[in-house]
N, C-alpha and C. Protein backbone atom coordinates (compact mmCIF):
# COMPACT_ATOMS: atom_id res chain seq x y z
N PRO A 1 10.49 39.25 -63.18
CA PRO A 1 11.88 39.37 -63.29
C PRO A 1 12.69 38.98 -62.02
N GLU A 2 12.07 38.99 -60.86
CA GLU A 2 12.76 38.69 -59.60
C GLU A 2 12.56 37.27 -59.20
N ALA A 3 11.66 36.51 -59.89
CA ALA A 3 11.33 35.18 -59.63
C ALA A 3 12.59 34.25 -60.03
N PRO A 4 12.76 33.13 -59.33
CA PRO A 4 13.82 32.21 -59.82
C PRO A 4 13.48 31.65 -61.23
N ILE A 5 14.46 31.35 -61.87
CA ILE A 5 14.33 30.77 -63.26
C ILE A 5 14.10 29.27 -63.05
N GLU A 6 13.03 28.73 -63.64
CA GLU A 6 12.73 27.31 -63.58
C GLU A 6 13.67 26.60 -64.47
N THR A 7 14.39 25.58 -63.87
CA THR A 7 15.19 24.69 -64.68
C THR A 7 14.85 23.27 -64.44
N LEU A 8 15.26 22.42 -65.21
CA LEU A 8 15.06 21.01 -65.02
C LEU A 8 15.68 20.50 -63.73
N ALA A 9 16.92 21.04 -63.44
CA ALA A 9 17.59 20.66 -62.23
C ALA A 9 16.88 21.22 -60.97
N LEU A 10 16.29 22.43 -60.99
CA LEU A 10 15.55 22.98 -59.90
C LEU A 10 14.29 22.19 -59.68
N GLU A 11 13.60 21.83 -60.76
CA GLU A 11 12.46 21.05 -60.69
C GLU A 11 12.73 19.63 -60.00
N GLY A 12 13.78 18.99 -60.43
CA GLY A 12 14.24 17.75 -59.86
C GLY A 12 14.51 17.90 -58.37
N PHE A 13 15.16 18.98 -58.03
CA PHE A 13 15.46 19.22 -56.58
C PHE A 13 14.22 19.38 -55.74
N ARG A 14 13.24 20.16 -56.31
CA ARG A 14 12.00 20.34 -55.59
C ARG A 14 11.22 19.10 -55.45
N GLU A 15 11.19 18.25 -56.56
CA GLU A 15 10.51 16.94 -56.42
C GLU A 15 11.20 16.04 -55.34
N GLY A 16 12.49 15.98 -55.39
CA GLY A 16 13.24 15.22 -54.38
C GLY A 16 13.03 15.66 -52.91
N HIS A 17 12.94 17.01 -52.78
CA HIS A 17 12.64 17.56 -51.42
C HIS A 17 11.21 17.15 -50.98
N ASP A 18 10.25 17.21 -51.85
CA ASP A 18 8.90 16.81 -51.55
C ASP A 18 8.90 15.32 -51.22
N ASP A 19 9.58 14.53 -51.95
CA ASP A 19 9.57 13.05 -51.71
C ASP A 19 10.21 12.77 -50.32
N ALA A 20 11.22 13.48 -49.99
CA ALA A 20 11.86 13.36 -48.65
C ALA A 20 10.87 13.75 -47.53
N ARG A 21 10.12 14.85 -47.80
CA ARG A 21 9.14 15.19 -46.75
C ARG A 21 8.06 14.14 -46.58
N TYR A 22 7.52 13.61 -47.73
CA TYR A 22 6.52 12.55 -47.67
C TYR A 22 7.03 11.31 -46.90
N LEU A 23 8.23 10.90 -47.26
CA LEU A 23 8.85 9.77 -46.57
C LEU A 23 9.02 10.00 -45.10
N ALA A 24 9.46 11.23 -44.74
CA ALA A 24 9.67 11.46 -43.31
C ALA A 24 8.34 11.55 -42.55
N THR A 25 7.40 11.96 -43.21
CA THR A 25 5.99 12.00 -42.57
C THR A 25 5.45 10.66 -42.41
N LEU A 26 5.64 9.91 -43.49
CA LEU A 26 5.19 8.41 -43.38
C LEU A 26 5.93 7.68 -42.23
N GLN A 27 7.23 7.82 -42.24
CA GLN A 27 8.02 7.13 -41.17
C GLN A 27 7.56 7.54 -39.74
N ALA A 28 7.27 8.78 -39.58
CA ALA A 28 6.81 9.35 -38.29
C ALA A 28 5.46 8.70 -37.99
N ARG A 29 4.58 8.63 -38.94
CA ARG A 29 3.37 8.04 -38.65
C ARG A 29 3.40 6.53 -38.34
N ILE A 30 4.28 5.93 -39.04
CA ILE A 30 4.50 4.43 -38.74
C ILE A 30 5.04 4.29 -37.32
N ALA A 31 6.03 5.13 -36.94
CA ALA A 31 6.67 5.03 -35.63
C ALA A 31 5.61 5.38 -34.52
N ALA A 32 4.68 6.20 -34.88
CA ALA A 32 3.60 6.50 -33.87
C ALA A 32 2.65 5.33 -33.58
N GLY A 33 2.71 4.32 -34.45
CA GLY A 33 1.87 3.07 -34.29
C GLY A 33 0.52 3.22 -34.71
N GLY A 34 -0.33 2.33 -34.24
CA GLY A 34 -1.68 2.32 -34.76
C GLY A 34 -2.00 1.02 -35.41
N ARG A 35 -3.31 0.86 -35.64
CA ARG A 35 -3.72 -0.42 -36.28
C ARG A 35 -3.04 -0.70 -37.65
N GLU A 36 -2.92 0.25 -38.47
CA GLU A 36 -2.37 -0.05 -39.74
C GLU A 36 -0.96 0.20 -39.97
N ALA A 37 -0.20 0.64 -38.85
CA ALA A 37 1.25 1.01 -38.94
C ALA A 37 2.05 -0.13 -39.57
N GLN A 38 1.79 -1.37 -39.04
CA GLN A 38 2.59 -2.47 -39.46
C GLN A 38 2.42 -2.80 -40.95
N LYS A 39 1.16 -2.63 -41.46
CA LYS A 39 0.90 -2.85 -42.89
C LYS A 39 1.62 -1.70 -43.69
N ALA A 40 1.66 -0.53 -43.14
CA ALA A 40 2.32 0.53 -43.94
C ALA A 40 3.83 0.35 -43.92
N ALA A 41 4.33 -0.17 -42.90
CA ALA A 41 5.84 -0.46 -42.80
C ALA A 41 6.12 -1.62 -43.76
N GLU A 42 5.28 -2.60 -43.82
CA GLU A 42 5.53 -3.67 -44.82
C GLU A 42 5.47 -3.20 -46.26
N TRP A 43 4.45 -2.29 -46.51
CA TRP A 43 4.37 -1.74 -47.84
C TRP A 43 5.64 -0.95 -48.14
N LEU A 44 6.07 -0.16 -47.22
CA LEU A 44 7.29 0.66 -47.50
C LEU A 44 8.52 -0.21 -47.72
N LYS A 45 8.64 -1.31 -47.02
CA LYS A 45 9.82 -2.20 -47.25
C LYS A 45 9.64 -2.97 -48.55
N SER A 46 8.48 -3.05 -49.12
CA SER A 46 8.28 -3.81 -50.41
C SER A 46 8.59 -2.96 -51.61
N VAL A 47 8.76 -1.66 -51.46
CA VAL A 47 8.94 -0.72 -52.57
C VAL A 47 10.25 -1.02 -53.17
N ARG A 48 10.34 -1.24 -54.48
CA ARG A 48 11.68 -1.52 -55.13
C ARG A 48 12.18 -0.31 -55.78
N LEU A 49 13.43 -0.44 -56.01
CA LEU A 49 14.16 0.80 -56.60
C LEU A 49 13.63 1.16 -58.04
N ASP A 50 13.09 0.25 -58.73
CA ASP A 50 12.54 0.49 -60.04
C ASP A 50 11.12 0.87 -60.00
N THR A 51 10.55 1.11 -58.90
CA THR A 51 9.12 1.54 -58.84
C THR A 51 8.93 2.86 -59.42
N ASP A 52 7.83 3.03 -60.16
CA ASP A 52 7.50 4.34 -60.65
C ASP A 52 7.26 5.34 -59.69
N LEU A 53 7.97 6.53 -59.74
CA LEU A 53 7.88 7.46 -58.68
C LEU A 53 6.48 8.05 -58.40
N THR A 54 5.71 8.16 -59.40
CA THR A 54 4.35 8.59 -59.26
C THR A 54 3.55 7.65 -58.44
N GLU A 55 3.71 6.33 -58.73
CA GLU A 55 3.11 5.28 -58.01
C GLU A 55 3.52 5.26 -56.61
N TRP A 56 4.75 5.56 -56.34
CA TRP A 56 5.39 5.53 -54.99
C TRP A 56 4.83 6.69 -54.17
N ARG A 57 4.71 7.95 -54.84
CA ARG A 57 4.19 9.07 -54.16
C ARG A 57 2.81 8.87 -53.78
N THR A 58 2.04 8.32 -54.66
CA THR A 58 0.63 8.07 -54.46
C THR A 58 0.41 7.12 -53.30
N GLY A 59 1.29 6.08 -53.17
CA GLY A 59 1.19 5.17 -52.10
C GLY A 59 1.58 5.76 -50.78
N MET A 60 2.58 6.57 -50.77
CA MET A 60 2.99 7.29 -49.55
C MET A 60 1.85 8.19 -49.03
N VAL A 61 1.27 8.95 -49.98
CA VAL A 61 0.13 9.86 -49.55
C VAL A 61 -1.03 9.08 -49.04
N TRP A 62 -1.31 7.94 -49.68
CA TRP A 62 -2.40 7.12 -49.24
C TRP A 62 -2.21 6.59 -47.81
N TRP A 63 -0.94 6.07 -47.57
CA TRP A 63 -0.65 5.59 -46.22
C TRP A 63 -0.58 6.77 -45.21
N ILE A 64 -0.08 7.83 -45.52
CA ILE A 64 -0.07 9.00 -44.56
C ILE A 64 -1.43 9.29 -44.24
N GLU A 65 -2.38 9.38 -45.13
CA GLU A 65 -3.68 9.71 -44.80
C GLU A 65 -4.44 8.57 -44.00
N ALA A 66 -4.11 7.31 -44.40
CA ALA A 66 -4.72 6.23 -43.66
C ALA A 66 -4.28 6.16 -42.24
N LEU A 67 -3.02 6.37 -42.05
CA LEU A 67 -2.44 6.42 -40.65
C LEU A 67 -2.85 7.62 -39.85
N GLY A 68 -3.08 8.72 -40.55
CA GLY A 68 -3.56 9.95 -39.85
C GLY A 68 -4.96 9.80 -39.43
N ASN A 69 -5.79 9.08 -40.05
CA ASN A 69 -7.29 8.92 -39.74
C ASN A 69 -7.46 7.71 -38.91
N ALA A 70 -6.48 6.95 -38.55
CA ALA A 70 -6.67 5.72 -37.85
C ALA A 70 -6.95 6.00 -36.32
């Protein structure tokens, strides 16, 4: 009874917040440099507005992990 009521708008807000965190993390890893940072930056620039969001999120997570382990 004290928990927030899940709504479509709340779920969309949460997803957008997570996406912004992923993007900020990826941009920070790119800025930190490393062997693959340029490739990650090129990938990020190649993302189109009509890209499937699940595909985009998967790519961001992949690059975050790749740059974190470099």
